């Protein structure tokens, strides 16, 4: 029998990715949706999570697609109701919240899948395998996009807990921590805050890996024209590049994998969720989140001109 899922938060990412992926996967049934100001055809709709859980008691899982500031409370309510939980990224507003959710899932015997969708891009597995055993020389992340295109009118991203440019930037950090054969730490950071907003519009972060290897990352919400979601890793025996957010992998300039549409990320994400639920396991990795938090902790704050939402 398919797993009955309730979807919380019906915004752009839910319509573009979650709903099509759920409806295309026979392991799931999209049984209900909850949103303050949107509905989905063909399923019961509710104004909030509590109403959905009360009206559809046989829901087995809740997939949470709200802004990160609301993730903790929604996930905790769902877990305490005995539901498996899938969390969109960024996982919550604070690192402590993720630890508490992991504890709650274990106590309830429920699955918590704290997702990083970019890890399911086409080139990630091959990149991780190629880097294994190769000494690193340096790395570079270039993650630049137009916030007006990708987050039109979204005020939450500029509020405390909204992450600003780290909302997309955390995708790069999730890929980096997945493919590298060792951990990295933040060594220095410069965060640019618009004078009229409370989250950064751009950031430069320097990370250090074992042996003093430097990974430099540049994040920017002001990109026009072609968007950049690239990671380059130089080793003693060649150079790897992931482009398109991980969809395209090349080694020494030669293409290895290419999925420019990135269409497979969310179907693969839901396949993993189904397998975790069936096995009674959780998957929680907050290393990307810790790198963002550490950038805020030790980063230099610079004020730049105003940004209009």
C-alpha atoms as a PDB file:
ATOM      1  CA  UNK A   1       0.000   0.000   0.000  1.00  0.00           C
ATOM      2  CA  UNK A   2       1.279   3.498  -0.788  1.00  0.00           C
ATOM      3  CA  UNK A   3       2.339   5.764   2.048  1.00  0.00           C
ATOM      4  CA  UNK A   4      -0.270   8.459   2.700  1.00  0.00           C
ATOM      5  CA  UNK A   5       1.418  11.857   2.766  1.00  0.00           C
ATOM      6  CA  UNK A   6       0.193  15.281   3.800  1.00  0.00           C
ATOM      7  CA  UNK A   7       1.983  18.236   2.207  1.00  0.00           C
ATOM      8  CA  UNK A   8       2.438  21.341   4.353  1.00  0.00           C
ATOM      9  CA  UNK A   9       3.172  24.642   2.618  1.00  0.00           C
ATOM     10  CA  UNK A  10       1.964  25.064  -0.962  1.00  0.00           C
ATOM     11  CA  UNK A  11       4.407  27.467  -2.559  1.00  0.00           C
ATOM     12  CA  UNK A  12       6.655  27.437  -5.615  1.00  0.00           C
ATOM     13  CA  UNK A  13       8.840  24.508  -4.543  1.00  0.00           C
ATOM     14  CA  UNK A  14       5.813  22.398  -3.604  1.00  0.00           C
ATOM     15  CA  UNK A  15       4.118  22.980  -6.961  1.00  0.00           C
ATOM     16  CA  UNK A  16       7.259  22.695  -9.073  1.00  0.00           C
ATOM     17  CA  UNK A  17       8.811  19.660  -7.383  1.00  0.00           C
ATOM     18  CA  UNK A  18       6.997  17.971  -4.507  1.00  0.00           C
ATOM     19  CA  UNK A  19       3.519  17.549  -5.968  1.00  0.00           C
ATOM     20  CA  UNK A  20       4.690  16.168  -9.354  1.00  0.00           C
ATOM     21  CA  UNK A  21       7.170  13.825  -7.622  1.00  0.00           C
ATOM     22  CA  UNK A  22       4.578  12.498  -5.189  1.00  0.00           C
ATOM     23  CA  UNK A  23       1.948  11.951  -7.870  1.00  0.00           C
ATOM     24  CA  UNK A  24       4.414  10.151 -10.130  1.00  0.00           C
ATOM     25  CA  UNK A  25       5.593   7.745  -7.428  1.00  0.00           C
ATOM     26  CA  UNK A  26       3.408   4.666  -6.739  1.00  0.00           C
ATOM     27  CA  UNK A  27       4.997   4.340  -3.295  1.00  0.00           C
ATOM     28  CA  UNK A  28       3.100   7.469  -2.181  1.00  0.00           C
ATOM     29  CA  UNK A  29      -0.419   8.849  -2.109  1.00  0.00           C
ATOM     30  CA  UNK A  30      -0.794  12.611  -1.794  1.00  0.00           C
ATOM     31  CA  UNK A  31      -3.690  12.432   0.644  1.00  0.00           C
ATOM     32  CA  UNK A  32      -4.033  16.026   1.907  1.00  0.00           C
ATOM     33  CA  UNK A  33      -2.507  19.494   1.751  1.00  0.00           C
ATOM     34  CA  UNK A  34      -2.322  22.351   4.226  1.00  0.00           C
ATOM     35  CA  UNK A  35      -1.573  25.989   3.447  1.00  0.00           C
ATOM     36  CA  UNK A  36      -2.675  29.389   4.731  1.00  0.00           C
ATOM     37  CA  UNK A  37      -3.484  30.759   1.293  1.00  0.00           C
ATOM     38  CA  UNK A  38      -3.273  28.049  -1.389  1.00  0.00           C
ATOM     39  CA  UNK A  39      -5.023  24.830  -2.364  1.00  0.00           C
ATOM     40  CA  UNK A  40      -4.260  21.804  -4.516  1.00  0.00           C
ATOM     41  CA  UNK A  41      -6.812  20.227  -6.842  1.00  0.00           C
ATOM     42  CA  UNK A  42      -7.907  16.661  -6.203  1.00  0.00           C
ATOM     43  CA  UNK A  43      -7.125  16.378  -2.490  1.00  0.00           C
ATOM     44  CA  UNK A  44      -8.627  17.700   0.764  1.00  0.00           C
ATOM     45  CA  UNK A  45      -7.165  21.092   1.689  1.00  0.00           C
ATOM     46  CA  UNK A  46      -6.775  22.615   5.145  1.00  0.00           C
ATOM     47  CA  UNK A  47      -5.650  25.998   6.505  1.00  0.00           C
ATOM     48  CA  UNK A  48      -3.038  24.561   8.874  1.00  0.00           C
ATOM     49  CA  UNK A  49      -1.225  21.421   9.981  1.00  0.00           C
ATOM     50  CA  UNK A  50      -3.381  20.766  13.039  1.00  0.00           C
ATOM     51  CA  UNK A  51      -6.574  20.788  10.982  1.00  0.00           C
ATOM     52  CA  UNK A  52      -5.050  18.398   8.456  1.00  0.00           C
ATOM     53  CA  UNK A  53      -3.871  15.944  11.114  1.00  0.00           C
ATOM     54  CA  UNK A  54      -7.244  16.012  12.871  1.00  0.00           C
ATOM     55  CA  UNK A  55      -9.306  15.546   9.703  1.00  0.00           C
ATOM     56  CA  UNK A  56      -7.091  12.910   8.068  1.00  0.00           C
ATOM     57  CA  UNK A  57      -5.932  10.709  10.955  1.00  0.00           C
ATOM     58  CA  UNK A  58      -4.651   7.939   8.694  1.00  0.00           C
ATOM     59  CA  UNK A  59      -1.889  10.148   7.278  1.00  0.00           C
ATOM     60  CA  UNK A  60       1.395   8.313   7.693  1.00  0.00           C
ATOM     61  CA  UNK A  61       3.803  11.088   6.772  1.00  0.00           C
ATOM     62  CA  UNK A  62       4.076  14.846   6.473  1.00  0.00           C
ATOM     63  CA  UNK A  63       6.319  16.604   3.958  1.00  0.00           C
ATOM     64  CA  UNK A  64       7.134  20.135   5.128  1.00  0.00           C
ATOM     65  CA  UNK A  65       7.739  22.849   2.527  1.00  0.00           C
ATOM     66  CA  UNK A  66       7.196  25.997   4.604  1.00  0.00           C
ATOM     67  CA  UNK A  67       9.888  28.659   5.206  1.00  0.00           C
ATOM     68  CA  UNK A  68      12.561  27.393   7.631  1.00  0.00           C
ATOM     69  CA  UNK A  69      11.378  29.572  10.515  1.00  0.00           C
ATOM     70  CA  UNK A  70       8.253  27.379  10.761  1.00  0.00           C
ATOM     71  CA  UNK A  71       9.912  23.974  10.316  1.00  0.00           C
ATOM     72  CA  UNK A  72      10.654  23.111  13.933  1.00  0.00           C
ATOM     73  CA  UNK A  73       7.161  23.462  15.358  1.00  0.00           C
ATOM     74  CA  UNK A  74       5.515  21.740  12.382  1.00  0.00           C
ATOM     75  CA  UNK A  75       7.959  18.835  12.417  1.00  0.00           C
ATOM     76  CA  UNK A  76       7.672  18.395  16.181  1.00  0.00           C
ATOM     77  CA  UNK A  77       3.857  18.353  16.055  1.00  0.00           C
ATOM     78  CA  UNK A  78       3.948  15.813  13.208  1.00  0.00           C
ATOM     79  CA  UNK A  79       6.461  13.530  14.918  1.00  0.00           C
ATOM     80  CA  UNK A  80       4.533  13.606  18.202  1.00  0.00           C
ATOM     81  CA  UNK A  81       1.446  12.629  16.218  1.00  0.00           C
ATOM     82  CA  UNK A  82       3.333   9.530  15.054  1.00  0.00           C
ATOM     83  CA  UNK A  83       3.963  10.707  11.485  1.00  0.00           C
ATOM     84  CA  UNK A  84       7.131  10.307   9.457  1.00  0.00           C
ATOM     85  CA  UNK A  85       8.561  13.688   8.457  1.00  0.00           C
ATOM     86  CA  UNK A  86      10.379  14.947   5.389  1.00  0.00           C
ATOM     87  CA  UNK A  87      11.945  18.412   5.786  1.00  0.00           C
ATOM     88  CA  UNK A  88      12.789  20.755   2.924  1.00  0.00           C
ATOM     89  CA  UNK A  89      16.056  22.639   3.180  1.00  0.00           C
ATOM     90  CA  UNK A  90      17.171  24.726   5.038  1.00  0.00           C
ATOM     91  CA  UNK A  91      16.096  22.334   7.789  1.00  0.00           C
ATOM     92  CA  UNK A  92      15.202  24.841  10.528  1.00  0.00           C
ATOM     93  CA  UNK A  93      16.054  28.250  11.914  1.00  0.00           C
ATOM     94  CA  UNK A  94      18.705  26.985  14.379  1.00  0.00           C
ATOM     95  CA  UNK A  95      21.045  24.012  14.679  1.00  0.00           C
ATOM     96  CA  UNK A  96      19.660  23.111  18.114  1.00  0.00           C
ATOM     97  CA  UNK A  97      16.205  22.622  16.599  1.00  0.00           C
ATOM     98  CA  UNK A  98      17.534  19.921  14.275  1.00  0.00           C
ATOM     99  CA  UNK A  99      19.113  18.049  17.188  1.00  0.00           C
ATOM    100  CA  UNK A 100      15.829  18.144  19.090  1.00  0.00           C
ATOM    101  CA  UNK A 101      13.891  16.901  16.064  1.00  0.00           C
ATOM    102  CA  UNK A 102      16.297  13.990  15.642  1.00  0.00           C
ATOM    103  CA  UNK A 103      15.753  13.085  19.294  1.00  0.00           C
ATOM    104  CA  UNK A 104      11.978  13.358  18.922  1.00  0.00           C
ATOM    105  CA  UNK A 105      11.965  11.102  15.849  1.00  0.00           C
ATOM    106  CA  UNK A 106      13.988   8.450  17.688  1.00  0.00           C
ATOM    107  CA  UNK A 107      11.698   8.662  20.731  1.00  0.00           C
ATOM    108  CA  UNK A 108       8.566   8.297  18.593  1.00  0.00           C
ATOM    109  CA  UNK A 109       9.999   5.554  16.378  1.00  0.00           C
ATOM    110  CA  UNK A 110       9.370   7.715  13.309  1.00  0.00           C
ATOM    111  CA  UNK A 111      11.501   8.582  10.298  1.00  0.00           C
ATOM    112  CA  UNK A 112      12.984  12.061  10.042  1.00  0.00           C
ATOM    113  CA  UNK A 113      14.392  12.730   6.589  1.00  0.00           C
ATOM    114  CA  UNK A 114      16.224  16.061   6.776  1.00  0.00           C
ATOM    115  CA  UNK A 115      16.784  16.559   3.075  1.00  0.00           C
ATOM    116  CA  UNK A 116      19.454  18.106   0.877  1.00  0.00           C
ATOM    117  CA  UNK A 117      17.960  17.894  -2.608  1.00  0.00           C
ATOM    118  CA  UNK A 118      21.161  18.921  -4.428  1.00  0.00           C
ATOM    119  CA  UNK A 119      22.853  15.748  -3.175  1.00  0.00           C
ATOM    120  CA  UNK A 120      20.491  13.861  -5.485  1.00  0.00           C
ATOM    121  CA  UNK A 121      21.650  15.663  -8.637  1.00  0.00           C
ATOM    122  CA  UNK A 122      22.968  13.520 -11.481  1.00  0.00           C
ATOM    123  CA  UNK A 123      26.690  14.144 -11.014  1.00  0.00           C
ATOM    124  CA  UNK A 124      27.035  13.801  -7.245  1.00  0.00           C
ATOM    125  CA  UNK A 125      27.642  10.064  -6.806  1.00  0.00           C
ATOM    126  CA  UNK A 126      30.280   9.938  -9.533  1.00  0.00           C
ATOM    127  CA  UNK A 127      31.997  13.041  -8.156  1.00  0.00           C
ATOM    128  CA  UNK A 128      32.185  11.542  -4.669  1.00  0.00           C
ATOM    129  CA  UNK A 129      33.586   8.287  -6.018  1.00  0.00           C
ATOM    130  CA  UNK A 130      36.216  10.047  -8.162  1.00  0.00           C
ATOM    131  CA  UNK A 131      37.473  12.181  -5.262  1.00  0.00           C
ATOM    132  CA  UNK A 132      37.860   9.241  -2.900  1.00  0.00           C
ATOM    133  CA  UNK A 133      41.579   8.610  -2.315  1.00  0.00           C
ATOM    134  CA  UNK A 134      42.758  11.622  -4.342  1.00  0.00           C
ATOM    135  CA  UNK A 135      44.771  14.262  -2.423  1.00  0.00           C
ATOM    136  CA  UNK A 136      43.128  17.683  -2.669  1.00  0.00           C
ATOM    137  CA  UNK A 137      44.949  20.832  -3.744  1.00  0.00           C
ATOM    138  CA  UNK A 138      42.161  23.452  -3.557  1.00  0.00           C
ATOM    139  CA  UNK A 139      38.489  24.017  -4.180  1.00  0.00           C
ATOM    140  CA  UNK A 140      36.169  26.792  -5.289  1.00  0.00           C
ATOM    141  CA  UNK A 141      32.405  27.328  -5.091  1.00  0.00           C
ATOM    142  CA  UNK A 142      30.653  29.933  -7.251  1.00  0.00           C
ATOM    143  CA  UNK A 143      26.953  30.110  -6.389  1.00  0.00           C
ATOM    144  CA  UNK A 144      25.298  33.196  -7.863  1.00  0.00           C
ATOM    145  CA  UNK A 145      21.684  33.706  -8.816  1.00  0.00           C
ATOM    146  CA  UNK A 146      19.029  36.382  -9.278  1.00  0.00           C
ATOM    147  CA  UNK A 147      16.915  36.558  -6.127  1.00  0.00           C
ATOM    148  CA  UNK A 148      14.160  38.439  -7.940  1.00  0.00           C
ATOM    149  CA  UNK A 149      13.690  35.491 -10.292  1.00  0.00           C
ATOM    150  CA  UNK A 150      13.997  32.642  -7.797  1.00  0.00           C
ATOM    151  CA  UNK A 151      12.377  34.279  -4.760  1.00  0.00           C
ATOM    152  CA  UNK A 152       9.985  36.906  -6.127  1.00  0.00           C
ATOM    153  CA  UNK A 153       8.288  38.846  -3.343  1.00  0.00           C
ATOM    154  CA  UNK A 154       9.376  36.401  -0.646  1.00  0.00           C
ATOM    155  CA  UNK A 155       9.901  38.484   2.485  1.00  0.00           C
ATOM    156  CA  UNK A 156      10.696  35.543   4.780  1.00  0.00           C
ATOM    157  CA  UNK A 157      14.095  34.988   3.169  1.00  0.00           C
ATOM    158  CA  UNK A 158      15.228  38.460   4.345  1.00  0.00           C
ATOM    159  CA  UNK A 159      13.958  38.063   7.905  1.00  0.00           C
ATOM    160  CA  UNK A 160      15.896  36.563  10.856  1.00  0.00           C
ATOM    161  CA  UNK A 161      16.105  32.804  10.304  1.00  0.00           C
ATOM    162  CA  UNK A 162      15.469  33.231   6.575  1.00  0.00           C
ATOM    163  CA  UNK A 163      19.133  32.672   5.597  1.00  0.00           C
ATOM    164  CA  UNK A 164      19.276  35.243   2.792  1.00  0.00           C
ATOM    165  CA  UNK A 165      21.821  34.171   0.180  1.00  0.00           C
ATOM    166  CA  UNK A 166      22.574  31.054   2.218  1.00  0.00           C
ATOM    167  CA  UNK A 167      19.132  29.670   1.338  1.00  0.00           C
ATOM    168  CA  UNK A 168      20.507  28.618  -2.074  1.00  0.00           C
ATOM    169  CA  UNK A 169      24.108  28.656  -0.845  1.00  0.00           C
ATOM    170  CA  UNK A 170      23.455  25.841   1.596  1.00  0.00           C
ATOM    171  CA  UNK A 171      22.831  23.629  -1.440  1.00  0.00           C
ATOM    172  CA  UNK A 172      26.467  24.100  -2.449  1.00  0.00           C
ATOM    173  CA  UNK A 173      27.605  23.265   1.079  1.00  0.00           C
ATOM    174  CA  UNK A 174      25.435  20.139   1.085  1.00  0.00           C
ATOM    175  CA  UNK A 175      27.143  18.985  -2.112  1.00  0.00           C
ATOM    176  CA  UNK A 176      30.612  19.858  -0.808  1.00  0.00           C
ATOM    177  CA  UNK A 177      30.153  17.884   2.420  1.00  0.00           C
ATOM    178  CA  UNK A 178      28.804  14.941   0.440  1.00  0.00           C
ATOM    179  CA  UNK A 179      31.571  14.633  -2.139  1.00  0.00           C
ATOM    180  CA  UNK A 180      34.696  15.482  -0.125  1.00  0.00           C
ATOM    181  CA  UNK A 181      36.500  12.574   1.548  1.00  0.00           C
ATOM    182  CA  UNK A 182      37.110  14.722   4.663  1.00  0.00           C
ATOM    183  CA  UNK A 183      35.375  17.407   6.702  1.00  0.00           C
ATOM    184  CA  UNK A 184      35.866  21.155   6.339  1.00  0.00           C
ATOM    185  CA  UNK A 185      35.645  24.045   8.803  1.00  0.00           C
ATOM    186  CA  UNK A 186      34.909  27.731   8.264  1.00  0.00           C
ATOM    187  CA  UNK A 187      38.107  29.753   8.612  1.00  0.00           C
ATOM    188  CA  UNK A 188      36.837  33.231   7.675  1.00  0.00           C
ATOM    189  CA  UNK A 189      33.805  34.897   6.120  1.00  0.00           C
ATOM    190  CA  UNK A 190      32.546  38.280   4.922  1.00  0.00           C
ATOM    191  CA  UNK A 191      28.760  38.717   4.827  1.00  0.00           C
ATOM    192  CA  UNK A 192      27.112  41.631   3.004  1.00  0.00           C
ATOM    193  CA  UNK A 193      23.804  42.811   4.476  1.00  0.00           C
ATOM    194  CA  UNK A 194      21.553  45.307   2.667  1.00  0.00           C
ATOM    195  CA  UNK A 195      21.015  48.276   4.954  1.00  0.00           C
ATOM    196  CA  UNK A 196      17.250  47.655   4.934  1.00  0.00           C
ATOM    197  CA  UNK A 197      17.256  43.841   5.359  1.00  0.00           C
ATOM    198  CA  UNK A 198      18.225  41.397   8.102  1.00  0.00           C
ATOM    199  CA  UNK A 199      19.795  38.591   6.055  1.00  0.00           C
ATOM    200  CA  UNK A 200      22.837  38.679   3.761  1.00  0.00           C
ATOM    201  CA  UNK A 201      22.579  39.302   0.044  1.00  0.00           C
ATOM    202  CA  UNK A 202      26.126  38.042  -0.612  1.00  0.00           C
ATOM    203  CA  UNK A 203      28.920  36.229   1.198  1.00  0.00           C
ATOM    204  CA  UNK A 204      32.495  35.105   0.722  1.00  0.00           C
ATOM    205  CA  UNK A 205      33.480  32.137   2.886  1.00  0.00           C
ATOM    206  CA  UNK A 206      36.881  30.489   3.252  1.00  0.00           C
ATOM    207  CA  UNK A 207      36.905  26.910   4.493  1.00  0.00           C
ATOM    208  CA  UNK A 208      39.811  24.697   5.420  1.00  0.00           C
ATOM    209  CA  UNK A 209      40.072  20.955   4.907  1.00  0.00           C
ATOM    210  CA  UNK A 210      42.645  18.524   6.270  1.00  0.00           C
ATOM    211  CA  UNK A 211      46.215  19.478   5.414  1.00  0.00           C
ATOM    212  CA  UNK A 212      45.384  23.164   5.101  1.00  0.00           C
ATOM    213  CA  UNK A 213      43.538  22.781   1.785  1.00  0.00           C
ATOM    214  CA  UNK A 214      41.477  25.917   1.106  1.00  0.00           C
ATOM    215  CA  UNK A 215      37.926  25.876  -0.245  1.00  0.00           C
ATOM    216  CA  UNK A 216      36.802  29.375  -1.280  1.00  0.00           C
ATOM    217  CA  UNK A 217      33.079  30.016  -1.697  1.00  0.00           C
ATOM    218  CA  UNK A 218      31.348  33.007  -3.255  1.00  0.00           C
ATOM    219  CA  UNK A 219      27.587  33.402  -2.867  1.00  0.00           C
ATOM    220  CA  UNK A 220      25.601  36.259  -4.420  1.00  0.00           C
ATOM    221  CA  UNK A 221      21.913  37.043  -4.905  1.00  0.00           C
ATOM    222  CA  UNK A 222      22.565  39.878  -7.390  1.00  0.00           C
ATOM    223  CA  UNK A 223      23.476  37.798 -10.437  1.00  0.00           C
ATOM    224  CA  UNK A 224      21.913  38.820 -13.759  1.00  0.00           C
ATOM    225  CA  UNK A 225      21.992  36.852 -16.982  1.00  0.00           C
ATOM    226  CA  UNK A 226      23.439  33.364 -16.731  1.00  0.00           C
ATOM    227  CA  UNK A 227      23.147  31.831 -13.263  1.00  0.00           C
ATOM    228  CA  UNK A 228      26.151  30.114 -11.668  1.00  0.00           C
ATOM    229  CA  UNK A 229      25.969  27.003  -9.478  1.00  0.00           C
ATOM    230  CA  UNK A 230      29.456  25.552  -9.819  1.00  0.00           C
ATOM    231  CA  UNK A 231      31.914  23.625  -7.657  1.00  0.00           C
ATOM    232  CA  UNK A 232      35.504  23.025  -8.770  1.00  0.00           C
ATOM    233  CA  UNK A 233      37.897  20.714  -6.927  1.00  0.00           C
ATOM    234  CA  UNK A 234      41.563  20.432  -7.962  1.00  0.00           C
ATOM    235  CA  UNK A 235      43.469  17.320  -6.920  1.00  0.00           C
ATOM    236  CA  UNK A 236      47.019  16.139  -7.520  1.00  0.00           C
ATOM    237  CA  UNK A 237      45.721  13.936 -10.338  1.00  0.00           C
ATOM    238  CA  UNK A 238      43.098  16.040 -12.099  1.00  0.00           C
ATOM    239  CA  UNK A 239      40.334  18.602 -11.792  1.00  0.00           C
ATOM    240  CA  UNK A 240      36.645  18.012 -11.185  1.00  0.00           C
ATOM    241  CA  UNK A 241      33.832  20.444 -11.972  1.00  0.00           C
ATOM    242  CA  UNK A 242      30.186  20.180 -11.000  1.00  0.00           C
ATOM    243  CA  UNK A 243      28.013  22.686 -12.871  1.00  0.00           C
ATOM    244  CA  UNK A 244      24.292  23.397 -12.863  1.00  0.00           C
ATOM    245  CA  UNK A 245      23.963  22.678  -9.159  1.00  0.00           C
ATOM    246  CA  UNK A 246      25.469  19.215  -9.552  1.00  0.00           C
ATOM    247  CA  UNK A 247      23.594  18.187 -12.674  1.00  0.00           C
ATOM    248  CA  UNK A 248      26.692  18.272 -14.888  1.00  0.00           C
ATOM    249  CA  UNK A 249      29.994  16.618 -13.988  1.00  0.00           C
ATOM    250  CA  UNK A 250      33.222  16.997 -15.936  1.00  0.00           C
ATOM    251  CA  UNK A 251      36.709  15.660 -15.217  1.00  0.00           C
ATOM    252  CA  UNK A 252      39.640  17.553 -16.740  1.00  0.00           C
ATOM    253  CA  UNK A 253      37.200  19.301 -19.061  1.00  0.00           C
ATOM    254  CA  UNK A 254      35.526  16.129 -20.359  1.00  0.00           C
ATOM    255  CA  UNK A 255      31.819  15.585 -19.656  1.00  0.00           C
ATOM    256  CA  UNK A 256      30.997  12.595 -17.468  1.00  0.00           C
ATOM    257  CA  UNK A 257      27.303  13.130 -16.654  1.00  0.00           C
ATOM    258  CA  UNK A 258      24.766  15.713 -17.719  1.00  0.00           C
ATOM    259  CA  UNK A 259      21.171  16.327 -16.637  1.00  0.00           C
ATOM    260  CA  UNK A 260      20.652  20.002 -17.328  1.00  0.00           C
ATOM    261  CA  UNK A 261      16.993  19.874 -16.289  1.00  0.00           C
ATOM    262  CA  UNK A 262      17.810  18.648 -12.754  1.00  0.00           C
ATOM    263  CA  UNK A 263      14.493  16.824 -13.130  1.00  0.00           C
ATOM    264  CA  UNK A 264      15.597  13.763 -11.214  1.00  0.00           C
ATOM    265  CA  UNK A 265      16.479  15.356  -7.869  1.00  0.00           C
ATOM    266  CA  UNK A 266      13.068  15.282  -6.212  1.00  0.00           C
ATOM    267  CA  UNK A 267      11.924  11.912  -7.587  1.00  0.00           C
ATOM    268  CA  UNK A 268      15.138  10.440  -6.153  1.00  0.00           C
ATOM    269  CA  UNK A 269      14.545  12.344  -2.923  1.00  0.00           C
ATOM    270  CA  UNK A 270      11.129  10.737  -2.492  1.00  0.00           C
ATOM    271  CA  UNK A 271      12.487   7.316  -3.376  1.00  0.00           C
ATOM    272  CA  UNK A 272      14.928   7.704  -0.474  1.00  0.00           C
ATOM    273  CA  UNK A 273      12.146   8.868   1.843  1.00  0.00           C
ATOM    274  CA  UNK A 274      10.050   5.806   1.021  1.00  0.00           C
ATOM    275  CA  UNK A 275      12.988   3.485   1.662  1.00  0.00           C
ATOM    276  CA  UNK A 276      13.793   5.169   4.980  1.00  0.00           C
ATOM    277  CA  UNK A 277      10.177   4.879   6.136  1.00  0.00           C
ATOM    278  CA  UNK A 278      10.020   1.214   5.169  1.00  0.00           C
ATOM    279  CA  UNK A 279      13.274   0.514   7.026  1.00  0.00           C
ATOM    280  CA  UNK A 280      12.289   2.544  10.084  1.00  0.00           C
ATOM    281  CA  UNK A 281      15.404   4.735   9.797  1.00  0.00           C
ATOM    282  CA  UNK A 282      16.130   8.454   9.849  1.00  0.00           C
ATOM    283  CA  UNK A 283      18.646  10.487   7.857  1.00  0.00           C
ATOM    284  CA  UNK A 284      19.928  13.678   9.461  1.00  0.00           C
ATOM    285  CA  UNK A 285      23.130  15.501   8.488  1.00  0.00           C
ATOM    286  CA  UNK A 286      23.440  19.077   9.697  1.00  0.00           C
ATOM    287  CA  UNK A 287      27.049  19.675   8.586  1.00  0.00           C
ATOM    288  CA  UNK A 288      25.975  22.099   5.806  1.00  0.00           C
ATOM    289  CA  UNK A 289      23.851  23.961   8.353  1.00  0.00           C
ATOM    290  CA  UNK A 290      26.785  24.145  10.766  1.00  0.00           C
ATOM    291  CA  UNK A 291      28.953  25.715   8.064  1.00  0.00           C
ATOM    292  CA  UNK A 292      26.310  28.403   7.527  1.00  0.00           C
ATOM    293  CA  UNK A 293      25.952  28.992  11.268  1.00  0.00           C
ATOM    294  CA  UNK A 294      29.727  29.250  11.679  1.00  0.00           C
ATOM    295  CA  UNK A 295      29.881  31.765   8.837  1.00  0.00           C
ATOM    296  CA  UNK A 296      27.465  33.951  10.784  1.00  0.00           C
ATOM    297  CA  UNK A 297      29.353  33.383  14.031  1.00  0.00           C
ATOM    298  CA  UNK A 298      32.835  34.393  12.877  1.00  0.00           C
ATOM    299  CA  UNK A 299      32.051  36.349   9.722  1.00  0.00           C
ATOM    300  CA  UNK A 300      32.676  40.040   9.246  1.00  0.00           C
ATOM    301  CA  UNK A 301      29.439  41.934   8.655  1.00  0.00           C
ATOM    302  CA  UNK A 302      29.416  44.615   5.959  1.00  0.00           C
ATOM    303  CA  UNK A 303      26.496  46.903   5.148  1.00  0.00           C
ATOM    304  CA  UNK A 304      25.703  47.556   1.490  1.00  0.00           C
ATOM    305  CA  UNK A 305      23.031  49.532  -0.330  1.00  0.00           C
ATOM    306  CA  UNK A 306      19.334  48.779   0.149  1.00  0.00           C
ATOM    307  CA  UNK A 307      17.627  45.851  -1.537  1.00  0.00           C
ATOM    308  CA  UNK A 308      14.025  46.067  -2.691  1.00  0.00           C
ATOM    309  CA  UNK A 309      11.974  42.894  -2.458  1.00  0.00           C
END
